[in-house]
Protein backbone atom coordinates (compact mmCIF):
# COMPACT_ATOMS: atom_id res chain seq x y z
CA MET A 1 65.26 40.19 28.55
CA GLY A 2 62.95 37.43 28.00
CA THR A 3 65.60 35.02 27.00
CA ILE A 4 67.64 35.89 30.09
CA GLY A 5 64.42 35.30 32.03
CA VAL A 6 63.19 32.33 30.45
CA ALA A 7 66.88 30.59 31.03
CA MET A 8 66.71 31.65 34.64
CA PHE A 9 63.00 30.16 34.61
CA ALA A 10 64.34 26.69 32.96
CA GLY A 11 66.12 25.88 36.08
CA THR A 12 62.98 25.73 38.19
CA LEU A 13 61.99 22.36 37.62
CA PRO A 14 65.39 20.86 38.13
CA ALA A 15 66.06 22.79 41.12
CA THR A 16 62.39 21.38 42.38
CA ARG A 17 63.48 17.79 41.94
CA LEU A 18 66.69 18.24 44.18
CA ALA A 19 64.31 20.37 46.82
CA LEU A 20 62.17 17.35 47.17
CA GLU A 21 64.60 14.87 47.90
CA GLY A 22 64.42 16.77 51.31
CA PHE A 23 61.46 18.76 51.48
CA ASP A 24 57.65 18.73 50.88
CA PRO A 25 55.89 20.43 47.97
CA VAL A 26 53.87 22.03 50.12
CA PHE A 27 56.52 23.31 52.34
CA ILE A 28 58.77 24.07 49.69
CA THR A 29 55.82 26.59 47.70
CA PHE A 30 55.78 28.58 51.19
CA ALA A 31 59.22 28.60 51.96
CA ARG A 32 60.51 29.75 48.46
CA ALA A 33 57.94 32.45 48.74
CA PHE A 34 58.68 33.80 52.17
CA PHE A 35 62.72 33.90 51.49
CA ALA A 36 61.65 35.44 48.28
CA GLY A 37 59.25 38.01 50.01
CA VAL A 38 62.03 38.88 52.62
CA ALA A 39 64.59 39.56 49.85
CA ALA A 40 61.68 41.99 48.02
CA THR A 41 61.05 43.53 51.22
CA THR A 42 65.04 44.66 51.53
CA LEU A 43 64.75 45.99 47.92
CA LEU A 44 61.38 47.96 48.08
CA VAL A 45 62.56 49.39 51.40
CA LEU A 46 66.32 50.52 50.18
CA THR A 47 64.73 51.71 47.17
CA GLY A 48 62.10 53.89 48.56
CA ARG A 49 59.52 52.54 46.22
CA ALA A 50 55.84 53.96 47.09
CA ARG A 51 53.05 51.47 48.23
CA PRO A 52 50.58 50.22 46.03
CA THR A 53 47.49 51.96 45.55
CA LYS A 54 44.10 50.35 47.04
CA ALA A 55 43.08 49.81 43.33
CA ASP A 56 46.00 47.71 42.33
CA VAL A 57 46.01 45.69 45.41
CA PRO A 58 43.44 43.22 43.79
CA GLN A 59 45.61 42.99 41.03
CA PHE A 60 48.67 42.20 42.99
CA ALA A 61 46.52 39.42 45.12
CA ALA A 62 45.68 37.90 41.86
CA ILE A 63 49.46 37.53 40.70
CA ALA A 64 50.50 36.17 43.99
CA LEU A 65 47.78 33.60 43.83
CA CYS A 66 48.92 32.71 40.23
CA LEU A 67 52.89 33.02 40.41
CA VAL A 68 53.38 32.77 44.43
CA VAL A 69 51.14 29.94 45.27
CA GLY A 70 49.56 27.97 42.23
CA PHE A 71 52.24 27.29 39.75
CA PRO A 72 54.89 26.45 42.56
CA LEU A 73 52.71 24.18 44.17
CA PHE A 74 51.35 22.29 40.87
CA THR A 75 55.03 22.15 39.78
CA GLY A 76 56.13 20.63 43.32
CA LEU A 77 53.27 17.74 42.93
CA ALA A 78 54.40 17.58 39.32
CA MET A 79 57.75 16.59 39.90
CA GLU A 80 57.01 14.04 42.26
CA HIS A 81 55.23 12.15 39.47
CA VAL A 82 57.78 12.64 35.97
CA PRO A 83 61.26 13.64 35.15
CA ALA A 84 62.39 17.53 35.37
CA SER A 85 63.01 16.87 31.42
CA HIS A 86 59.47 15.51 30.90
CA GLY A 87 57.71 18.60 32.74
CA GLY A 88 59.80 20.86 31.27
CA VAL A 89 58.60 20.24 27.60
CA VAL A 90 54.75 20.13 29.02
CA LEU A 91 55.28 23.38 30.29
CA ALA A 92 56.07 24.62 26.60
CA ILE A 93 52.35 25.38 26.10
CA LEU A 94 53.07 28.17 28.07
CA PRO A 95 53.32 30.63 25.23
CA LEU A 96 49.79 29.64 23.92
CA GLY A 97 48.46 30.02 27.28
CA THR A 98 49.79 33.24 27.70
CA ALA A 99 49.13 34.68 24.51
CA ILE A 100 45.06 33.76 25.62
CA ALA A 101 45.38 35.28 28.67
CA ALA A 102 46.89 38.40 27.43
CA ALA A 103 43.87 38.75 24.71
CA VAL A 104 41.57 38.23 27.81
CA VAL A 105 42.92 40.53 30.39
CA GLY A 106 45.66 42.51 28.71
CA GLY A 107 43.48 44.23 25.74
CA GLU A 108 46.08 42.40 22.84
CA ARG A 109 44.59 41.65 20.12
CA PRO A 110 46.91 38.73 18.30
CA GLY A 111 45.94 38.28 14.55
CA LYS A 112 44.96 34.85 13.24
CA ALA A 113 48.46 34.13 11.87
CA PHE A 114 49.90 34.86 15.43
CA TRP A 115 47.25 32.19 16.72
CA ALA A 116 48.16 29.58 14.09
CA VAL A 117 51.80 29.83 14.83
CA SER A 118 51.03 29.76 18.52
CA ALA A 119 48.88 26.84 18.04
CA LEU A 120 51.88 24.78 15.92
CA GLY A 121 53.75 25.40 18.43
CA GLY A 122 51.64 24.19 21.20
CA LEU A 123 51.00 20.98 18.91
CA VAL A 124 54.69 20.36 18.57
CA VAL A 125 55.09 20.19 21.95
CA LEU A 126 52.50 18.17 23.04
CA VAL A 127 53.49 15.37 20.56
CA PHE A 128 56.91 15.39 22.31
CA SER A 129 55.10 15.24 25.42
CA LEU A 130 53.05 12.42 24.65
CA SER A 131 55.28 10.31 22.56
CA ASP A 132 57.61 10.92 25.31
CA SER A 133 55.36 8.88 28.10
CA GLY A 134 54.24 6.40 25.38
CA TRP A 135 51.27 8.60 24.75
CA ALA A 136 49.83 7.94 28.13
CA VAL A 137 48.56 10.58 30.39
CA ARG A 138 49.65 11.21 34.27
CA TRP A 139 48.81 12.64 36.91
CA GLY A 140 52.09 14.72 36.42
CA ASP A 141 50.88 16.07 33.47
CA VAL A 142 47.74 17.54 35.09
CA PHE A 143 49.58 18.96 37.37
CA LEU A 144 51.96 20.69 34.85
CA VAL A 145 48.86 21.99 32.68
CA ALA A 146 47.32 23.59 35.81
CA ALA A 147 50.65 25.07 36.54
CA ALA A 148 50.97 26.07 33.08
CA ALA A 149 47.42 28.20 33.65
CA SER A 150 48.64 29.54 36.67
CA ALA A 151 51.81 31.14 35.15
CA ALA A 152 49.92 32.26 31.88
CA LEU A 153 47.25 34.31 34.04
CA GLY A 154 49.77 35.65 36.13
CA TYR A 155 51.97 36.66 33.34
CA ALA A 156 49.38 38.58 31.89
CA LEU A 157 48.56 40.40 34.98
CA SER A 158 52.21 41.26 35.41
CA GLY A 159 52.19 42.38 31.76
CA ARG A 160 49.17 44.90 32.56
CA LEU A 161 51.16 46.51 35.95
CA THR A 162 54.26 46.88 34.20
CA ARG A 163 53.03 49.24 31.44
CA ARG A 164 52.80 51.71 34.70
CA MET A 165 55.75 50.52 36.92
CA PRO A 166 59.19 48.40 36.60
CA GLY A 167 58.45 44.75 36.10
CA TRP A 168 60.80 44.17 39.32
CA VAL A 169 58.40 46.28 41.45
CA VAL A 170 55.40 44.28 40.32
CA ILE A 171 56.67 40.76 41.12
CA SER A 172 58.29 42.40 44.63
CA TRP A 173 55.03 44.06 45.47
CA ALA A 174 53.52 40.63 44.45
CA LEU A 175 55.79 38.52 47.49
CA VAL A 176 55.40 41.30 50.03
CA LEU A 177 51.82 41.24 49.89
CA SER A 178 51.77 37.23 50.32
CA LEU A 179 54.39 37.65 52.93
CA PRO A 180 52.08 36.84 56.05
CA PHE A 181 50.71 34.10 54.40
CA SER A 182 54.17 32.39 53.29
CA ALA A 183 55.47 32.91 56.37
CA ILE A 184 52.42 31.23 57.97
CA GLY A 185 52.69 28.36 55.59
CA SER A 186 56.18 27.94 56.27
CA LEU A 187 56.07 27.74 59.85
CA ALA A 188 52.87 25.02 59.52
CA THR A 189 54.71 22.91 57.10
CA LEU A 190 58.18 22.68 58.46
CA PRO A 191 59.49 19.36 58.21
CA GLU A 192 60.43 17.53 61.54
CA VAL A 193 63.78 16.29 60.02
CA TRP A 194 65.88 18.62 58.31
CA PRO A 195 67.79 17.92 55.46
CA THR A 196 71.67 17.84 55.36
CA ALA A 197 72.16 17.26 52.09
CA GLY A 198 73.97 20.83 50.18
CA HIS A 199 71.97 19.89 47.05
CA VAL A 200 68.64 19.75 48.78
CA TRP A 201 69.57 23.62 49.79
CA ALA A 202 70.65 24.86 46.65
CA GLY A 203 67.47 23.60 45.06
CA LEU A 204 65.64 25.91 47.71
CA ALA A 205 68.03 28.59 47.55
CA TYR A 206 67.36 28.60 43.40
CA LEU A 207 63.21 28.53 43.95
CA SER A 208 63.79 31.06 46.17
CA LEU A 209 65.96 33.77 44.50
CA VAL A 210 66.11 33.02 40.96
CA SER A 211 62.88 31.38 40.09
CA MET A 212 60.67 33.36 42.25
CA LEU A 213 62.31 37.08 42.10
CA LEU A 214 65.52 37.71 39.76
CA GLY A 215 63.88 35.92 36.93
CA PHE A 216 60.75 38.04 37.03
CA PHE A 217 63.12 41.02 36.57
CA PHE A 218 64.09 40.10 33.32
CA TRP A 219 60.83 38.71 32.57
CA ASN A 220 58.53 41.31 33.21
CA THR A 221 60.72 44.15 32.09
CA ALA A 222 60.46 41.99 28.46
CA LEU A 223 56.67 41.70 29.01
CA ALA A 224 56.45 45.48 29.40
CA LEU A 225 58.63 46.04 26.16
CA GLY A 226 57.56 43.74 23.57
CA GLY A 227 53.85 42.93 24.63
CA VAL A 228 52.80 40.04 26.94
CA ALA A 229 51.51 37.71 23.93
CA LYS A 230 54.35 38.08 21.67
CA ILE A 231 57.21 38.12 24.41
CA GLY A 232 55.27 35.13 26.03
CA GLN A 233 56.35 33.05 22.64
CA LEU A 234 59.69 32.93 24.09
CA GLN A 235 58.64 30.22 26.70
CA LEU A 236 59.06 27.84 23.89
CA LEU A 237 62.73 27.88 24.18
CA GLN A 238 62.22 26.94 28.00
CA PRO A 239 62.01 23.21 27.52
CA PHE A 240 65.00 22.70 26.00
CA PHE A 241 66.92 24.86 28.12
CA THR A 242 65.57 23.09 31.12
CA LEU A 243 66.61 19.85 29.20
CA ALA A 244 70.21 20.86 29.01
CA ILE A 245 70.13 21.87 32.37
CA ALA A 246 68.20 18.56 33.87
CA ALA A 247 71.39 16.83 31.86
CA LEU A 248 74.12 18.90 33.68
CA VAL A 249 72.24 18.55 37.13
CA ALA A 250 70.61 15.03 37.20
CA GLY A 251 72.37 13.09 34.42
CA GLU A 252 69.49 12.88 31.91
CA VAL A 253 70.21 12.03 28.64
CA PHE A 254 69.17 14.79 25.67
CA GLN A 255 68.79 12.77 22.49
CA ILE A 256 68.86 13.34 19.01
CA ARG A 257 64.99 13.05 18.87
CA GLN A 258 64.66 15.99 21.47
CA ALA A 259 67.26 18.20 19.36
CA ALA A 260 64.80 17.78 16.61
CA PHE A 261 62.16 18.99 18.21
CA ALA A 262 64.36 22.15 19.60
CA VAL A 263 64.97 23.07 16.31
CA ALA A 264 61.35 23.18 14.90
CA VAL A 265 60.28 24.82 18.15
CA VAL A 266 62.64 27.50 17.94
CA VAL A 267 61.75 27.95 14.02
CA ILE A 268 58.47 28.30 15.28
CA VAL A 269 59.34 31.35 17.50
CA ALA A 270 61.53 33.01 15.12
CA THR A 271 58.26 33.11 13.28
CA ALA A 272 55.68 34.24 15.79
CA GLN A 273 58.34 36.94 17.15
CA ARG A 274 57.91 38.50 13.43
CA LEU A 275 54.13 38.80 13.66
CA ARG A 276 52.50 41.88 14.78
CA VAL A 277 50.55 42.07 17.34
CA ALA A 278 47.55 44.61 17.83
CA GLY A 279 46.41 46.31 20.65
CA ALA A 280 49.29 46.27 23.08
CA PRO A 281 49.82 49.84 24.80
CA PRO A 282 53.41 51.26 24.73
CA LEU A 283 55.34 51.30 27.67
CA GLN A 284 54.93 54.44 30.14
CA ARG A 285 57.99 55.30 31.77
């Protein structure tokens, strides 16, 4: 489930690059949340799901702030400065950030070996990222780090709620609660000239229905089943899925050096997955 979710998320940056050819990043942030919110509302109504309790609303609001606003906005701004392939590698620091967030807000207590392996994975992708840009830090990298921080906290908060309710319900209610704001934001940032290129609309559609909604159905379920810190390590595979998608969509070349880093990261992920994470409460069905 986690790997399927990661593969879906991997198309986010290439899809953002496509959407940016016709839309402003701020409009993309609101529009993708609006369309996903409409779809989520439909699902919740058709399945007759009960409303969140008042005690859960602040946590849903925090998830929405991180995953519905923060991550899309920062990735959109980043894709104006760096290629999707570069951004995908930088976002590979997400597993380490997710593990930290899980320890802070999720009650999980990864052991020293787990932290060491996570740090090694982060170091590998950091070296890859800096060497890929001539050992220089760009504004795109700053936005990507902010995006990673937003996503990590959002994943940890989502993981905590998925112990009590299905993962798709968690992301759906976060989208529904943010729907009034995404609707107003979309109207306020409407483009003066609408794009006619099909790939621009395809990019926005992918961001709205796959990146913002369907991917979380699989991802949140995986977080509940395996724990936030451990399942979060699967995100180390995401940059290489992104590289492959970017090559297919944008014609970016997949180099031998990239393949070597991919092998190293896969080994690290496999090692992290075998390490025990204490303190992760069992899934409540």
